[in-house]
Amino acid sequence: MAASQKLYPRATVKKIVKAHSKRNVSKNVDVLIFLDYALFLQTLMKEATINAKQVGERGISGKSVKKVTEMSLAKFKG
C-alpha cells in the first residue's frame, strides 16, 4: 500500500467522535481510537484462544469469542 494513500477520512472520524461525545477532541484522536481498537481485538483473540484450549477445541470458534467478549469489553471500558 502506498504511503500517500489514506485508509480512512480522518476529518470524518473526528466529526463523528466529537458529535457522539459532545466534547472537543484532540488532533490525533482517530489514531488513538484505532490503536485502542487494535489492542482490544488482540486481547479478545488471546482470551478466546485460551478459552478454546481450555474447552478442548482445535481452533477458535464464535462460541469461544462470545464467552470472553464481556470480560474483554470490561477491561477496555473507560
PDB file of N, CA and C in Angstrom:
ATOM      1  N   MET A   1       0.850  -1.175   0.000  1.00  0.00           N
ATOM      2  CA  MET A   1       0.000   0.000   0.000  1.00  0.00           C
ATOM      3  C   MET A   1       0.891   1.232   0.000  1.00  0.00           C
ATOM      4  N   ALA A   2       0.580   2.185  -0.810  1.00  0.00           N
ATOM      5  CA  ALA A   2       1.368   3.398  -0.921  1.00  0.00           C
ATOM      6  C   ALA A   2       1.242   4.237   0.345  1.00  0.00           C
ATOM      7  N   ALA A   3       2.311   4.924   0.667  1.00  0.00           N
ATOM      8  CA  ALA A   3       2.329   5.736   1.880  1.00  0.00           C
ATOM      9  C   ALA A   3       1.368   6.912   1.793  1.00  0.00           C
ATOM     10  N   SER A   4       1.112   7.388   0.592  1.00  0.00           N
ATOM     11  CA  SER A   4       0.249   8.550   0.438  1.00  0.00           C
ATOM     12  C   SER A   4      -1.240   8.194   0.399  1.00  0.00           C
ATOM     13  N   GLN A   5      -1.560   6.920   0.277  1.00  0.00           N
ATOM     14  CA  GLN A   5      -2.962   6.506   0.211  1.00  0.00           C
ATOM     15  C   GLN A   5      -3.582   6.545   1.606  1.00  0.00           C
ATOM     16  N   LYS A   6      -4.737   7.168   1.719  1.00  0.00           N
ATOM     17  CA  LYS A   6      -5.409   7.286   3.010  1.00  0.00           C
ATOM     18  C   LYS A   6      -6.259   6.053   3.271  1.00  0.00           C
ATOM     19  N   LEU A   7      -6.237   5.575   4.505  1.00  0.00           N
ATOM     20  CA  LEU A   7      -7.022   4.410   4.875  1.00  0.00           C
ATOM     21  C   LEU A   7      -8.463   4.778   5.194  1.00  0.00           C
ATOM     22  N   TYR A   8      -8.664   5.959   5.731  1.00  0.00           N
ATOM     23  CA  TYR A   8      -9.992   6.425   6.107  1.00  0.00           C
ATOM     24  C   TYR A   8      -9.962   7.950   6.184  1.00  0.00           C
ATOM     25  N   PRO A   9     -11.104   8.599   6.078  1.00  0.00           N
ATOM     26  CA  PRO A   9     -11.141  10.067   6.170  1.00  0.00           C
ATOM     27  C   PRO A   9     -11.024  10.523   7.628  1.00  0.00           C
ATOM     28  N   ARG A  10      -9.890  11.046   7.980  1.00  0.00           N
ATOM     29  CA  ARG A  10      -9.615  11.441   9.372  1.00  0.00           C
ATOM     30  C   ARG A  10     -10.612  12.482   9.876  1.00  0.00           C
ATOM     31  N   ALA A  11     -10.927  13.455   9.034  1.00  0.00           N
ATOM     32  CA  ALA A  11     -11.832  14.530   9.455  1.00  0.00           C
ATOM     33  C   ALA A  11     -13.221  13.980   9.768  1.00  0.00           C
ATOM     34  N   THR A  12     -13.673  13.018   8.984  1.00  0.00           N
ATOM     35  CA  THR A  12     -14.997  12.428   9.215  1.00  0.00           C
ATOM     36  C   THR A  12     -15.022  11.673  10.537  1.00  0.00           C
ATOM     37  N   VAL A  13     -13.973  10.930  10.822  1.00  0.00           N
ATOM     38  CA  VAL A  13     -13.899  10.197  12.088  1.00  0.00           C
ATOM     39  C   VAL A  13     -13.925  11.170  13.259  1.00  0.00           C
ATOM     40  N   LYS A  14     -13.165  12.247  13.149  1.00  0.00           N
ATOM     41  CA  LYS A  14     -13.139  13.249  14.218  1.00  0.00           C
ATOM     42  C   LYS A  14     -14.517  13.885  14.427  1.00  0.00           C
ATOM     43  N   LYS A  15     -15.221  14.184  13.335  1.00  0.00           N
ATOM     44  CA  LYS A  15     -16.556  14.782  13.447  1.00  0.00           C
ATOM     45  C   LYS A  15     -17.530  13.826  14.126  1.00  0.00           C
ATOM     46  N   ILE A  16     -17.455  12.555  13.778  1.00  0.00           N
ATOM     47  CA  ILE A  16     -18.348  11.560  14.381  1.00  0.00           C
ATOM     48  C   ILE A  16     -18.075  11.436  15.867  1.00  0.00           C
ATOM     49  N   VAL A  17     -16.801  11.352  16.240  1.00  0.00           N
ATOM     50  CA  VAL A  17     -16.441  11.221  17.654  1.00  0.00           C
ATOM     51  C   VAL A  17     -16.845  12.468  18.427  1.00  0.00           C
ATOM     52  N   LYS A  18     -16.610  13.619  17.853  1.00  0.00           N
ATOM     53  CA  LYS A  18     -16.969  14.871  18.521  1.00  0.00           C
ATOM     54  C   LYS A  18     -18.478  14.980  18.714  1.00  0.00           C
ATOM     55  N   ALA A  19     -19.251  14.587  17.698  1.00  0.00           N
ATOM     56  CA  ALA A  19     -20.709  14.650  17.807  1.00  0.00           C
ATOM     57  C   ALA A  19     -21.226  13.647  18.823  1.00  0.00           C
ATOM     58  N   HIS A  20     -20.599  12.480  18.880  1.00  0.00           N
ATOM     59  CA  HIS A  20     -21.042  11.443  19.809  1.00  0.00           C
ATOM     60  C   HIS A  20     -20.701  11.779  21.256  1.00  0.00           C
ATOM     61  N   SER A  21     -19.509  12.326  21.481  1.00  0.00           N
ATOM     62  CA  SER A  21     -19.069  12.612  22.851  1.00  0.00           C
ATOM     63  C   SER A  21     -19.461  14.004  23.322  1.00  0.00           C
ATOM     64  N   LYS A  22     -19.802  14.875  22.377  1.00  0.00           N
ATOM     65  CA  LYS A  22     -20.157  16.270  22.687  1.00  0.00           C
ATOM     66  C   LYS A  22     -19.038  16.986  23.437  1.00  0.00           C
ATOM     67  N   ARG A  23     -17.797  16.661  23.075  1.00  0.00           N
ATOM     68  CA  ARG A  23     -16.616  17.291  23.659  1.00  0.00           C
ATOM     69  C   ARG A  23     -15.632  17.607  22.540  1.00  0.00           C
ATOM     70  N   ASN A  24     -14.693  18.479  22.841  1.00  0.00           N
ATOM     71  CA  ASN A  24     -13.629  18.736  21.886  1.00  0.00           C
ATOM     72  C   ASN A  24     -12.705  17.514  21.844  1.00  0.00           C
ATOM     73  N   VAL A  25     -12.154  17.247  20.690  1.00  0.00           N
ATOM     74  CA  VAL A  25     -11.266  16.098  20.544  1.00  0.00           C
ATOM     75  C   VAL A  25      -9.883  16.573  20.141  1.00  0.00           C
ATOM     76  N   SER A  26      -8.879  15.777  20.507  1.00  0.00           N
ATOM     77  CA  SER A  26      -7.510  16.168  20.202  1.00  0.00           C
ATOM     78  C   SER A  26      -7.185  15.961  18.730  1.00  0.00           C
ATOM     79  N   LYS A  27      -6.027  16.422  18.348  1.00  0.00           N
ATOM     80  CA  LYS A  27      -5.600  16.392  16.953  1.00  0.00           C
ATOM     81  C   LYS A  27      -5.486  14.958  16.422  1.00  0.00           C
ATOM     82  N   ASN A  28      -5.000  14.049  17.229  1.00  0.00           N
ATOM     83  CA  ASN A  28      -4.754  12.679  16.779  1.00  0.00           C
ATOM     84  C   ASN A  28      -5.720  11.673  17.396  1.00  0.00           C
ATOM     85  N   VAL A  29      -6.928  12.071  17.653  1.00  0.00           N
ATOM     86  CA  VAL A  29      -7.888  11.189  18.306  1.00  0.00           C
ATOM     87  C   VAL A  29      -8.204   9.967  17.450  1.00  0.00           C
ATOM     88  N   ASP A  30      -8.219  10.114  16.147  1.00  0.00           N
ATOM     89  CA  ASP A  30      -8.520   8.980  15.282  1.00  0.00           C
ATOM     90  C   ASP A  30      -7.444   7.900  15.377  1.00  0.00           C
ATOM     91  N   VAL A  31      -6.201   8.303  15.496  1.00  0.00           N
ATOM     92  CA  VAL A  31      -5.106   7.344  15.643  1.00  0.00           C
ATOM     93  C   VAL A  31      -5.230   6.612  16.972  1.00  0.00           C
ATOM     94  N   LEU A  32      -5.543   7.340  18.019  1.00  0.00           N
ATOM     95  CA  LEU A  32      -5.696   6.721  19.340  1.00  0.00           C
ATOM     96  C   LEU A  32      -6.865   5.741  19.365  1.00  0.00           C
ATOM     97  N   ILE A  33      -7.943   6.088  18.695  1.00  0.00           N
ATOM     98  CA  ILE A  33      -9.096   5.195  18.613  1.00  0.00           C
ATOM     99  C   ILE A  33      -8.721   3.916  17.877  1.00  0.00           C
ATOM    100  N   PHE A  34      -8.003   4.045  16.779  1.00  0.00           N
ATOM    101  CA  PHE A  34      -7.577   2.861  16.028  1.00  0.00           C
ATOM    102  C   PHE A  34      -6.663   1.972  16.862  1.00  0.00           C
ATOM    103  N   LEU A  35      -5.713   2.571  17.575  1.00  0.00           N
ATOM    104  CA  LEU A  35      -4.801   1.777  18.396  1.00  0.00           C
ATOM    105  C   LEU A  35      -5.534   1.068  19.527  1.00  0.00           C
ATOM    106  N   ASP A  36      -6.496   1.736  20.129  1.00  0.00           N
ATOM    107  CA  ASP A  36      -7.292   1.113  21.184  1.00  0.00           C
ATOM    108  C   ASP A  36      -8.113  -0.044  20.626  1.00  0.00           C
ATOM    109  N   TYR A  37      -8.661   0.138  19.445  1.00  0.00           N
ATOM    110  CA  TYR A  37      -9.431  -0.914  18.768  1.00  0.00           C
ATOM    111  C   TYR A  37      -8.550  -2.122  18.454  1.00  0.00           C
ATOM    112  N   ALA A  38      -7.351  -1.868  17.943  1.00  0.00           N
ATOM    113  CA  ALA A  38      -6.431  -2.963  17.616  1.00  0.00           C
ATOM    114  C   ALA A  38      -6.015  -3.712  18.879  1.00  0.00           C
ATOM    115  N   LEU A  39      -5.770  -2.999  19.959  1.00  0.00           N
ATOM    116  CA  LEU A  39      -5.408  -3.634  21.223  1.00  0.00           C
ATOM    117  C   LEU A  39      -6.568  -4.462  21.772  1.00  0.00           C
ATOM    118  N   PHE A  40      -7.788  -3.952  21.621  1.00  0.00           N
ATOM    119  CA  PHE A  40      -8.964  -4.702  22.059  1.00  0.00           C
ATOM    120  C   PHE A  40      -9.103  -6.005  21.284  1.00  0.00           C
ATOM    121  N   LEU A  41      -8.952  -5.944  19.959  1.00  0.00           N
ATOM    122  CA  LEU A  41      -9.063  -7.155  19.146  1.00  0.00           C
ATOM    123  C   LEU A  41      -7.977  -8.162  19.492  1.00  0.00           C
ATOM    124  N   GLN A  42      -6.775  -7.673  19.749  1.00  0.00           N
ATOM    125  CA  GLN A  42      -5.686  -8.566  20.123  1.00  0.00           C
ATOM    126  C   GLN A  42      -5.993  -9.263  21.452  1.00  0.00           C
ATOM    127  N   THR A  43      -6.479  -8.521  22.418  1.00  0.00           N
ATOM    128  CA  THR A  43      -6.841  -9.094  23.715  1.00  0.00           C
ATOM    129  C   THR A  43      -7.993 -10.080  23.572  1.00  0.00           C
ATOM    130  N   LEU A  44      -8.988  -9.717  22.775  1.00  0.00           N
ATOM    131  CA  LEU A  44     -10.134 -10.596  22.561  1.00  0.00           C
ATOM    132  C   LEU A  44      -9.699 -11.927  21.960  1.00  0.00           C
ATOM    133  N   MET A  45      -8.844 -11.886  20.959  1.00  0.00           N
ATOM    134  CA  MET A  45      -8.396 -13.118  20.318  1.00  0.00           C
ATOM    135  C   MET A  45      -7.517 -13.952  21.252  1.00  0.00           C
ATOM    136  N   LYS A  46      -6.699 -13.307  22.062  1.00  0.00           N
ATOM    137  CA  LYS A  46      -5.861 -14.038  23.004  1.00  0.00           C
ATOM    138  C   LYS A  46      -6.724 -14.759  24.036  1.00  0.00           C
ATOM    139  N   GLU A  47      -7.711 -14.048  24.572  1.00  0.00           N
ATOM    140  CA  GLU A  47      -8.610 -14.653  25.557  1.00  0.00           C
ATOM    141  C   GLU A  47      -9.450 -15.766  24.932  1.00  0.00           C
ATOM    142  N   ALA A  48      -9.883 -15.571  23.692  1.00  0.00           N
ATOM    143  CA  ALA A  48     -10.668 -16.599  23.004  1.00  0.00           C
ATOM    144  C   ALA A  48      -9.823 -17.840  22.743  1.00  0.00           C
ATOM    145  N   THR A  49      -8.556 -17.645  22.421  1.00  0.00           N
ATOM    146  CA  THR A  49      -7.656 -18.774  22.214  1.00  0.00           C
ATOM    147  C   THR A  49      -7.469 -19.566  23.495  1.00  0.00           C
ATOM    148  N   ILE A  50      -7.272 -18.871  24.591  1.00  0.00           N
ATOM    149  CA  ILE A  50      -7.124 -19.536  25.888  1.00  0.00           C
ATOM    150  C   ILE A  50      -8.388 -20.304  26.233  1.00  0.00           C
ATOM    151  N   ASN A  51      -9.540 -19.674  26.026  1.00  0.00           N
ATOM    152  CA  ASN A  51     -10.816 -20.321  26.319  1.00  0.00           C
ATOM    153  C   ASN A  51     -11.015 -21.558  25.453  1.00  0.00           C
ATOM    154  N   ALA A  52     -10.681 -21.464  24.193  1.00  0.00           N
ATOM    155  CA  ALA A  52     -10.856 -22.595  23.278  1.00  0.00           C
ATOM    156  C   ALA A  52      -9.962 -23.766  23.680  1.00  0.00           C
ATOM    157  N   LYS A  53      -8.742 -23.489  24.096  1.00  0.00           N
ATOM    158  CA  LYS A  53      -7.835 -24.551  24.530  1.00  0.00           C
ATOM    159  C   LYS A  53      -8.322 -25.216  25.807  1.00  0.00           C
ATOM    160  N   GLN A  54      -8.873 -24.424  26.721  1.00  0.00           N
ATOM    161  CA  GLN A  54      -9.389 -24.975  27.974  1.00  0.00           C
ATOM    162  C   GLN A  54     -10.574 -25.901  27.724  1.00  0.00           C
ATOM    163  N   VAL A  55     -11.405 -25.567  26.758  1.00  0.00           N
ATOM    164  CA  VAL A  55     -12.584 -26.360  26.436  1.00  0.00           C
ATOM    165  C   VAL A  55     -12.199 -27.584  25.606  1.00  0.00           C
ATOM    166  N   GLY A  56     -11.059 -27.514  24.933  1.00  0.00           N
ATOM    167  CA  GLY A  56     -10.605 -28.636  24.135  1.00  0.00           C
ATOM    168  C   GLY A  56     -10.878 -28.500  22.654  1.00  0.00           C
ATOM    169  N   GLU A  57     -11.183 -27.300  22.203  1.00  0.00           N
ATOM    170  CA  GLU A  57     -11.420 -27.074  20.776  1.00  0.00           C
ATOM    171  C   GLU A  57     -10.079 -27.001  20.053  1.00  0.00           C
ATOM    172  N   ARG A  58     -10.094 -27.332  18.777  1.00  0.00           N
ATOM    173  CA  ARG A  58      -8.873 -27.299  17.983  1.00  0.00           C
ATOM    174  C   ARG A  58      -8.542 -25.887  17.512  1.00  0.00           C
ATOM    175  N   GLY A  59      -9.539 -25.068  17.346  1.00  0.00           N
ATOM    176  CA  GLY A  59      -9.341 -23.695  16.893  1.00  0.00           C
ATOM    177  C   GLY A  59     -10.317 -22.773  17.592  1.00  0.00           C
ATOM    178  N   ILE A  60     -10.242 -21.514  17.231  1.00  0.00           N
ATOM    179  CA  ILE A  60     -11.142 -20.520  17.828  1.00  0.00           C
ATOM    180  C   ILE A  60     -12.480 -20.567  17.099  1.00  0.00           C
ATOM    181  N   SER A  61     -13.556 -20.597  17.863  1.00  0.00           N
ATOM    182  CA  SER A  61     -14.889 -20.584  17.271  1.00  0.00           C
ATOM    183  C   SER A  61     -15.631 -19.341  17.744  1.00  0.00           C
ATOM    184  N   GLY A  62     -16.759 -19.092  17.125  1.00  0.00           N
ATOM    185  CA  GLY A  62     -17.587 -17.971  17.540  1.00  0.00           C
ATOM    186  C   GLY A  62     -18.049 -18.119  18.976  1.00  0.00           C
ATOM    187  N   LYS A  63     -18.242 -19.342  19.375  1.00  0.00           N
ATOM    188  CA  LYS A  63     -18.684 -19.635  20.743  1.00  0.00           C
ATOM    189  C   LYS A  63     -17.626 -19.195  21.763  1.00  0.00           C
ATOM    190  N   SER A  64     -16.368 -19.488  21.478  1.00  0.00           N
ATOM    191  CA  SER A  64     -15.312 -19.105  22.415  1.00  0.00           C
ATOM    192  C   SER A  64     -15.108 -17.593  22.441  1.00  0.00           C
ATOM    193  N   VAL A  65     -15.338 -16.930  21.308  1.00  0.00           N
ATOM    194  CA  VAL A  65     -15.220 -15.476  21.271  1.00  0.00           C
ATOM    195  C   VAL A  65     -16.349 -14.831  22.068  1.00  0.00           C
ATOM    196  N   LYS A  66     -17.559 -15.349  21.926  1.00  0.00           N
ATOM    197  CA  LYS A  66     -18.703 -14.797  22.660  1.00  0.00           C
ATOM    198  C   LYS A  66     -18.526 -14.933  24.166  1.00  0.00           C
ATOM    199  N   LYS A  67     -17.921 -16.042  24.599  1.00  0.00           N
ATOM    200  CA  LYS A  67     -17.731 -16.260  26.032  1.00  0.00           C
ATOM    201  C   LYS A  67     -16.808 -15.226  26.663  1.00  0.00           C
ATOM    202  N   VAL A  68     -15.817 -14.766  25.934  1.00  0.00           N
ATOM    203  CA  VAL A  68     -14.841 -13.839  26.511  1.00  0.00           C
ATOM    204  C   VAL A  68     -15.099 -12.386  26.135  1.00  0.00           C
ATOM    205  N   THR A  69     -16.108 -12.115  25.336  1.00  0.00           N
ATOM    206  CA  THR A  69     -16.372 -10.749  24.883  1.00  0.00           C
ATOM    207  C   THR A  69     -16.685  -9.809  26.044  1.00  0.00           C
ATOM    208  N   GLU A  70     -17.545 -10.214  26.927  1.00  0.00           N
ATOM    209  CA  GLU A  70     -17.926  -9.342  28.050  1.00  0.00           C
ATOM    210  C   GLU A  70     -16.728  -9.014  28.938  1.00  0.00           C
ATOM    211  N   MET A  71     -15.897 -10.018  29.188  1.00  0.00           N
ATOM    212  CA  MET A  71     -14.718  -9.794  30.027  1.00  0.00           C
ATOM    213  C   MET A  71     -13.749  -8.826  29.343  1.00  0.00           C
ATOM    214  N   SER A  72     -13.555  -9.002  28.051  1.00  0.00           N
ATOM    215  CA  SER A  72     -12.647  -8.126  27.309  1.00  0.00           C
ATOM    216  C   SER A  72     -13.189  -6.701  27.226  1.00  0.00           C
ATOM    217  N   LEU A  73     -14.498  -6.573  27.024  1.00  0.00           N
ATOM    218  CA  LEU A  73     -15.104  -5.249  26.983  1.00  0.00           C
ATOM    219  C   LEU A  73     -14.972  -4.537  28.333  1.00  0.00           C
ATOM    220  N   ALA A  74     -15.090  -5.276  29.415  1.00  0.00           N
ATOM    221  CA  ALA A  74     -14.970  -4.689  30.747  1.00  0.00           C
ATOM    222  C   ALA A  74     -13.559  -4.130  30.969  1.00  0.00           C
ATOM    223  N   LYS A  75     -12.558  -4.790  30.413  1.00  0.00           N
ATOM    224  CA  LYS A  75     -11.177  -4.309  30.558  1.00  0.00           C
ATOM    225  C   LYS A  75     -10.968  -2.968  29.849  1.00  0.00           C
ATOM    226  N   PHE A  76     -11.686  -2.751  28.749  1.00  0.00           N
ATOM    227  CA  PHE A  76     -11.475  -1.563  27.929  1.00  0.00           C
ATOM    228  C   PHE A  76     -12.499  -0.466  28.193  1.00  0.00           C
ATOM    229  N   LYS A  77     -13.375  -0.659  29.136  1.00  0.00           N
ATOM    230  CA  LYS A  77     -14.372   0.364  29.419  1.00  0.00           C
ATOM    231  C   LYS A  77     -13.673   1.568  30.062  1.00  0.00           C
ATOM    232  N   GLY A  78     -13.954   2.749  29.530  1.00  0.00           N
ATOM    233  CA  GLY A  78     -13.242   3.929  30.001  1.00  0.00           C
ATOM    234  C   GLY A  78     -14.062   4.822  30.742  1.00  0.00           C
TER     235      GLY A  78
END
